[in-house]
Each structure stands twice: as structure tokens, then as C-alpha cells.
């Protein structure tokens, strides 16, 4: 997946599968604090590596499609599958 994120005049390409909290915040156009809050509420999964929170692209997609509930409906799962194929 390659997505251009425009943050304060700079273009940043996100074409990897693992992202930092800051990168996810830029991608979703919200604050780092919001991402940390979602992690704390278990609405967004993360893996901690050497003290750094890493978030996988599929976990971001799942959280967005589930509207933060963490549970996907059948329709959401189908849409996620479709997005991965495109």
C-alpha cells in the first residue's frame, strides 16, 4: 500500500506495513495522544518492540472499518478484503 500523507507542507510516503504512533496519527489526521488513547482502550492493537509501539496496517484498517469498536461485521470484513485486493 502506498499512501501520500501531506503534513504541514511535506509529502510523506507510507509504503510499509508497520507504523509508529506518530505515523499513524499523521495518516489518520489526528494527534499522537488520540492514537495512544485508542491503544489504551484496546480499540487499536499494537506490538511493543524495544519500547516502541508499532502498529500494523491491517490493525489500522480494522479499527477504522469497525468505527473503533474493534469488531468487524461481515460487510466490513468483505470491504477490508476488497481493499486489500485493490
N, C-alpha and C. Protein backbone atom coordinates (compact mmCIF):
# COMPACT_ATOMS: atom_id res chain seq x y z
N UNK A 1 0.84 -1.18 0.00
CA UNK A 1 0.00 0.00 0.00
C UNK A 1 0.88 1.24 0.00
N UNK A 2 0.59 2.14 -0.87
CA UNK A 2 1.35 3.39 -0.90
C UNK A 2 0.37 4.54 -0.77
N UNK A 3 0.54 5.33 0.25
CA UNK A 3 -0.33 6.45 0.50
C UNK A 3 0.51 7.69 0.74
N UNK A 4 0.16 8.78 0.11
CA UNK A 4 0.86 10.03 0.35
C UNK A 4 0.13 10.77 1.46
N UNK A 5 0.88 11.19 2.45
CA UNK A 5 0.32 11.94 3.56
C UNK A 5 0.94 13.32 3.54
N UNK A 6 0.11 14.33 3.50
CA UNK A 6 0.60 15.70 3.48
C UNK A 6 0.52 16.26 4.90
N UNK A 7 1.67 16.51 5.52
CA UNK A 7 1.70 17.04 6.87
C UNK A 7 2.48 18.34 6.86
N UNK A 8 1.77 19.44 7.01
CA UNK A 8 2.39 20.76 7.09
C UNK A 8 3.35 21.03 5.94
N UNK A 9 2.88 20.77 4.74
CA UNK A 9 3.67 21.09 3.57
C UNK A 9 4.62 20.02 3.10
N UNK A 10 4.79 18.95 3.85
CA UNK A 10 5.72 17.91 3.41
C UNK A 10 4.94 16.68 2.98
N UNK A 11 5.40 16.04 1.94
CA UNK A 11 4.78 14.80 1.49
C UNK A 11 5.55 13.63 2.06
N UNK A 12 4.82 12.67 2.61
CA UNK A 12 5.46 11.51 3.20
C UNK A 12 4.80 10.28 2.61
N UNK A 13 5.57 9.36 2.07
CA UNK A 13 5.00 8.14 1.51
C UNK A 13 5.02 7.06 2.57
N UNK A 14 3.87 6.41 2.73
CA UNK A 14 3.76 5.31 3.67
C UNK A 14 3.56 4.04 2.85
N UNK A 15 4.61 3.26 2.67
CA UNK A 15 4.50 2.07 1.85
C UNK A 15 5.07 0.85 2.55
N UNK A 16 4.91 0.81 3.85
CA UNK A 16 5.35 -0.33 4.61
C UNK A 16 4.17 -0.85 5.42
N UNK A 17 4.37 -1.90 6.17
CA UNK A 17 3.27 -2.49 6.90
C UNK A 17 3.24 -2.10 8.38
N UNK A 18 4.35 -1.70 8.95
CA UNK A 18 4.42 -1.34 10.36
C UNK A 18 4.66 0.16 10.51
N UNK A 19 3.90 0.79 11.42
CA UNK A 19 3.97 2.24 11.59
C UNK A 19 4.14 2.60 13.06
N UNK A 20 4.76 3.73 13.31
CA UNK A 20 4.88 4.26 14.66
C UNK A 20 3.58 4.99 15.01
N UNK A 21 3.42 5.33 16.28
CA UNK A 21 2.24 6.07 16.73
C UNK A 21 2.15 7.40 15.97
N UNK A 22 3.26 8.07 15.81
CA UNK A 22 3.28 9.37 15.11
C UNK A 22 2.84 9.21 13.65
N UNK A 23 3.32 8.17 12.98
CA UNK A 23 2.95 7.96 11.58
C UNK A 23 1.46 7.63 11.44
N UNK A 24 0.94 6.84 12.37
CA UNK A 24 -0.50 6.51 12.34
C UNK A 24 -1.32 7.77 12.57
N UNK A 25 -0.88 8.60 13.50
CA UNK A 25 -1.59 9.87 13.77
C UNK A 25 -1.61 10.76 12.53
N UNK A 26 -0.49 10.84 11.83
CA UNK A 26 -0.45 11.63 10.59
C UNK A 26 -1.37 11.03 9.53
N UNK A 27 -1.33 9.72 9.41
CA UNK A 27 -2.14 9.01 8.41
C UNK A 27 -3.63 9.21 8.66
N UNK A 28 -4.04 9.18 9.96
CA UNK A 28 -5.46 9.33 10.30
C UNK A 28 -5.83 10.77 10.59
N UNK A 29 -4.87 11.68 10.47
CA UNK A 29 -5.10 13.10 10.69
C UNK A 29 -5.65 13.37 12.09
N UNK A 30 -4.95 12.84 13.09
CA UNK A 30 -5.32 13.08 14.48
C UNK A 30 -4.03 13.20 15.30
N UNK A 31 -4.16 13.36 16.60
CA UNK A 31 -2.98 13.56 17.43
C UNK A 31 -2.39 12.22 17.90
N UNK A 32 -1.12 12.28 18.32
CA UNK A 32 -0.46 11.11 18.90
C UNK A 32 -1.24 10.65 20.13
N UNK A 33 -1.73 11.61 20.87
CA UNK A 33 -2.47 11.31 22.10
C UNK A 33 -3.73 10.49 21.81
N UNK A 34 -4.40 10.81 20.72
CA UNK A 34 -5.59 10.06 20.33
C UNK A 34 -5.25 8.61 20.02
N UNK A 35 -4.15 8.40 19.32
CA UNK A 35 -3.72 7.04 18.98
C UNK A 35 -3.37 6.28 20.26
N UNK A 36 -2.65 6.91 21.17
CA UNK A 36 -2.30 6.27 22.44
C UNK A 36 -3.56 5.93 23.25
N UNK A 37 -4.56 6.81 23.20
CA UNK A 37 -5.83 6.56 23.89
C UNK A 37 -6.54 5.35 23.28
N UNK A 38 -6.54 5.24 21.95
CA UNK A 38 -7.15 4.09 21.29
C UNK A 38 -6.44 2.79 21.67
N UNK A 39 -5.12 2.86 21.79
CA UNK A 39 -4.34 1.68 22.20
C UNK A 39 -4.71 1.30 23.64
N UNK A 40 -4.78 2.28 24.51
CA UNK A 40 -5.09 2.03 25.92
C UNK A 40 -6.49 1.42 26.09
N UNK A 41 -7.43 1.85 25.26
CA UNK A 41 -8.81 1.33 25.32
C UNK A 41 -8.96 0.00 24.57
N UNK A 42 -7.84 -0.52 24.06
CA UNK A 42 -7.84 -1.76 23.26
C UNK A 42 -8.68 -1.66 21.99
N UNK A 43 -8.80 -0.46 21.45
CA UNK A 43 -9.50 -0.26 20.19
C UNK A 43 -8.54 -0.32 19.01
N UNK A 44 -7.25 -0.25 19.31
CA UNK A 44 -6.22 -0.35 18.29
C UNK A 44 -5.11 -1.22 18.84
N UNK A 45 -4.78 -2.26 18.11
CA UNK A 45 -3.72 -3.17 18.56
C UNK A 45 -2.35 -2.55 18.29
N UNK A 46 -1.39 -3.00 19.07
CA UNK A 46 -0.01 -2.57 18.85
C UNK A 46 0.93 -3.65 19.34
N UNK A 47 2.14 -3.60 18.84
CA UNK A 47 3.19 -4.51 19.28
C UNK A 47 4.32 -3.63 19.80
N UNK A 48 4.79 -3.94 20.97
CA UNK A 48 5.86 -3.14 21.57
C UNK A 48 7.20 -3.81 21.28
N UNK A 49 8.09 -3.08 20.59
CA UNK A 49 9.41 -3.58 20.24
C UNK A 49 10.44 -2.57 20.71
N UNK A 50 11.30 -3.00 21.62
CA UNK A 50 12.34 -2.12 22.18
C UNK A 50 11.76 -0.80 22.69
N UNK A 51 10.61 -0.87 23.35
CA UNK A 51 9.99 0.32 23.91
C UNK A 51 9.22 1.17 22.91
N UNK A 52 9.15 0.74 21.66
CA UNK A 52 8.47 1.49 20.61
C UNK A 52 7.16 0.80 20.25
N UNK A 53 6.08 1.54 20.22
CA UNK A 53 4.79 0.99 19.81
C UNK A 53 4.74 0.91 18.29
N UNK A 54 4.56 -0.29 17.75
CA UNK A 54 4.43 -0.48 16.31
C UNK A 54 3.03 -0.98 16.00
N UNK A 55 2.43 -0.42 14.98
CA UNK A 55 1.05 -0.74 14.63
C UNK A 55 1.03 -1.23 13.19
N UNK A 56 0.43 -2.38 12.98
CA UNK A 56 0.36 -2.99 11.65
C UNK A 56 -0.76 -2.36 10.84
N UNK A 57 -0.55 -2.27 9.54
CA UNK A 57 -1.54 -1.66 8.64
C UNK A 57 -2.91 -2.33 8.76
N UNK A 58 -2.96 -3.65 8.87
CA UNK A 58 -4.26 -4.33 8.94
C UNK A 58 -5.00 -3.96 10.23
N UNK A 59 -4.26 -3.67 11.32
CA UNK A 59 -4.90 -3.26 12.56
C UNK A 59 -5.50 -1.85 12.42
N UNK A 60 -4.82 -1.00 11.67
CA UNK A 60 -5.36 0.35 11.40
C UNK A 60 -6.64 0.23 10.59
N UNK A 61 -6.60 -0.58 9.51
CA UNK A 61 -7.78 -0.77 8.67
C UNK A 61 -8.94 -1.33 9.48
N UNK A 62 -8.64 -2.31 10.32
CA UNK A 62 -9.68 -2.94 11.13
C UNK A 62 -10.31 -1.92 12.08
N UNK A 63 -9.51 -1.11 12.72
CA UNK A 63 -10.02 -0.11 13.66
C UNK A 63 -10.89 0.92 12.94
N UNK A 64 -10.44 1.36 11.78
CA UNK A 64 -11.19 2.36 11.03
C UNK A 64 -12.52 1.79 10.55
N UNK A 65 -12.49 0.59 9.99
CA UNK A 65 -13.73 -0.01 9.48
C UNK A 65 -14.71 -0.39 10.58
N UNK A 66 -14.21 -0.68 11.77
CA UNK A 66 -15.09 -1.06 12.87
C UNK A 66 -15.55 0.15 13.68
N UNK A 67 -15.18 1.34 13.23
CA UNK A 67 -15.52 2.59 13.92
C UNK A 67 -15.03 2.59 15.36
N UNK A 68 -13.90 1.96 15.60
CA UNK A 68 -13.28 1.97 16.91
C UNK A 68 -13.77 0.88 17.85
N UNK A 69 -14.75 0.08 17.44
CA UNK A 69 -15.27 -0.96 18.34
C UNK A 69 -14.36 -2.17 18.40
N UNK A 70 -13.53 -2.35 17.37
CA UNK A 70 -12.64 -3.49 17.34
C UNK A 70 -13.26 -4.75 16.77
N UNK A 71 -14.57 -4.72 16.54
CA UNK A 71 -15.26 -5.89 15.99
C UNK A 71 -15.77 -5.55 14.59
N UNK A 72 -15.48 -6.42 13.66
CA UNK A 72 -15.90 -6.20 12.28
C UNK A 72 -17.16 -6.99 11.96
N UNK A 73 -18.07 -6.33 11.27
CA UNK A 73 -19.24 -7.05 10.76
C UNK A 73 -18.83 -7.80 9.50
N UNK A 74 -19.70 -8.67 9.02
CA UNK A 74 -19.41 -9.42 7.79
C UNK A 74 -19.18 -8.45 6.64
N UNK A 75 -19.99 -7.41 6.55
CA UNK A 75 -19.85 -6.41 5.49
C UNK A 75 -18.49 -5.71 5.56
N UNK A 76 -18.08 -5.37 6.79
CA UNK A 76 -16.77 -4.73 6.97
C UNK A 76 -15.64 -5.65 6.56
N UNK A 77 -15.76 -6.94 6.92
CA UNK A 77 -14.73 -7.91 6.54
C UNK A 77 -14.63 -8.04 5.03
N UNK A 78 -15.79 -8.05 4.36
CA UNK A 78 -15.79 -8.12 2.90
C UNK A 78 -15.13 -6.88 2.30
N UNK A 79 -15.43 -5.72 2.86
CA UNK A 79 -14.86 -4.48 2.34
C UNK A 79 -13.35 -4.45 2.58
N UNK A 80 -12.91 -4.92 3.73
CA UNK A 80 -11.48 -4.97 4.02
C UNK A 80 -10.78 -5.89 3.03
N UNK A 81 -11.39 -7.03 2.76
CA UNK A 81 -10.83 -7.99 1.79
C UNK A 81 -10.72 -7.33 0.41
N UNK A 82 -11.75 -6.59 0.02
CA UNK A 82 -11.76 -5.90 -1.27
C UNK A 82 -10.63 -4.86 -1.33
N UNK A 83 -10.46 -4.10 -0.24
CA UNK A 83 -9.42 -3.08 -0.22
C UNK A 83 -8.03 -3.66 -0.33
N UNK A 84 -7.82 -4.83 0.21
CA UNK A 84 -6.51 -5.47 0.13
C UNK A 84 -6.22 -5.96 -1.27
N UNK A 85 -7.26 -6.25 -2.05
CA UNK A 85 -7.08 -6.75 -3.41
C UNK A 85 -6.81 -5.62 -4.38
N UNK A 86 -7.25 -4.42 -4.07
CA UNK A 86 -7.11 -3.30 -4.99
C UNK A 86 -5.70 -2.79 -5.02
